[in-house]
Amino acid sequence: MTSPTITLTVDGTLLTCKGAIARLEKELSALPTGSVARVLVNDVPSRIDVRAWADRKGHRIVHDVRQGEVFELLIAKGERPNSPAASGAVIRSP
């Protein structure tokens, strides 16, 4: 199995959890679906919050590992969970 190509790295080790997620959301929004972001956080609550954010936004965690004092997560950008493309809905005009 090959490793995914990382398009973006967000080092949240010196940021608050909110700061890491805000930066991740801003920078990931400019990338196409399928892009992979590497996120580094240094505590369990931040790891949990990043995972919850990714799930809420329709992204997929493809890697989650602790390396010493740092958690490394790889997140594949997905469609927004409520978007027609993500839900498989077919849009028809009246």
Protein backbone atom coordinates (compact mmCIF):
# COMPACT_ATOMS: atom_id res chain seq x y z
CA MET A 1 0.00 0.00 0.00
CA THR A 2 1.34 3.43 -0.91
CA SER A 3 1.18 6.46 1.32
CA PRO A 4 -1.16 9.25 0.26
CA THR A 5 0.39 12.41 -1.17
CA ILE A 6 0.18 15.14 1.46
CA THR A 7 -0.98 18.44 -0.01
CA LEU A 8 -1.09 20.50 3.17
CA THR A 9 0.51 20.36 6.62
CA VAL A 10 -0.97 22.18 9.61
CA ASP A 11 1.25 22.18 12.68
CA GLY A 12 -1.15 22.72 15.54
CA THR A 13 1.37 21.91 18.26
CA LEU A 14 1.84 25.58 19.11
CA LEU A 15 -1.80 26.56 18.51
CA THR A 16 -4.93 26.15 20.54
CA CYS A 17 -7.26 23.42 19.32
CA LYS A 18 -9.60 26.07 17.88
CA GLY A 19 -6.65 27.71 16.15
CA ALA A 20 -5.50 24.45 14.56
CA ILE A 21 -8.99 23.62 13.31
CA ALA A 22 -9.56 27.17 12.01
CA ARG A 23 -6.30 27.07 10.05
CA LEU A 24 -7.04 23.57 8.77
CA GLU A 25 -10.55 24.53 7.66
CA LYS A 26 -9.38 27.70 5.90
CA GLU A 27 -6.49 26.09 4.03
CA LEU A 28 -8.28 22.83 3.22
CA SER A 29 -11.28 24.70 1.79
CA ALA A 30 -9.11 25.99 -1.08
CA LEU A 31 -8.05 22.47 -2.09
CA PRO A 32 -9.92 19.98 -4.29
CA THR A 33 -11.82 16.98 -2.92
CA GLY A 34 -9.45 14.10 -2.25
CA SER A 35 -6.57 16.33 -1.13
CA VAL A 36 -4.79 15.06 1.98
CA ALA A 37 -3.91 17.30 4.91
CA ARG A 38 -1.42 16.35 7.61
CA VAL A 39 -2.36 17.74 11.02
CA LEU A 40 -0.09 17.69 14.06
CA VAL A 41 -1.51 18.21 17.56
CA ASN A 42 0.06 17.57 20.93
CA ASP A 43 -2.76 16.46 23.20
CA VAL A 44 -5.64 14.01 23.28
CA PRO A 45 -8.45 16.61 23.46
CA SER A 46 -7.12 18.33 20.32
CA ARG A 47 -6.89 14.97 18.56
CA ILE A 48 -10.49 14.19 19.48
CA ASP A 49 -11.67 17.64 18.35
CA VAL A 50 -9.88 17.37 14.99
CA ARG A 51 -11.43 13.93 14.41
CA ALA A 52 -14.90 15.25 15.31
CA TRP A 53 -14.46 18.29 13.04
CA ALA A 54 -13.38 16.07 10.13
CA ASP A 55 -16.38 13.79 10.63
CA ARG A 56 -18.78 16.75 10.82
CA LYS A 57 -17.37 18.22 7.62
CA GLY A 58 -17.49 14.97 5.66
CA HIS A 59 -13.74 14.40 5.55
CA ARG A 60 -12.08 11.03 6.14
CA ILE A 61 -9.30 10.20 8.59
CA VAL A 62 -6.85 8.00 6.68
CA HIS A 63 -4.10 7.89 9.31
CA ASP A 64 -4.01 8.59 13.03
CA VAL A 65 -0.90 7.75 15.01
CA ARG A 66 0.96 9.02 18.05
CA GLN A 67 4.63 9.75 17.52
CA GLY A 68 6.17 10.61 20.88
CA GLU A 69 4.32 13.61 22.23
CA VAL A 70 2.63 14.46 18.92
CA PHE A 71 -0.44 13.02 17.22
CA GLU A 72 -0.28 12.92 13.42
CA LEU A 73 -3.56 12.73 11.51
CA LEU A 74 -3.96 12.54 7.76
CA ILE A 75 -7.33 13.81 6.58
CA ALA A 76 -8.67 13.28 3.06
CA LYS A 77 -10.92 16.12 2.02
CA GLY A 78 -14.44 14.99 1.20
CA GLU A 79 -17.66 16.61 0.15
CA ARG A 80 -19.67 18.55 2.69
CA PRO A 81 -21.94 16.04 4.48
CA ASN A 82 -25.12 17.95 3.63
CA SER A 83 -24.22 18.59 0.02
CA PRO A 84 -26.17 16.78 -2.71
CA ALA A 85 -22.97 15.16 -4.01
CA ALA A 86 -22.11 13.73 -0.60
CA SER A 87 -25.58 12.40 0.08
CA GLY A 88 -25.99 10.86 -3.35
CA ALA A 89 -29.09 12.98 -3.93
CA VAL A 90 -30.19 13.81 -7.41
CA ILE A 91 -31.17 17.42 -7.95
CA ARG A 92 -34.03 17.98 -10.35
CA SER A 93 -35.37 21.34 -11.35
CA PRO A 94 -39.14 21.78 -11.37
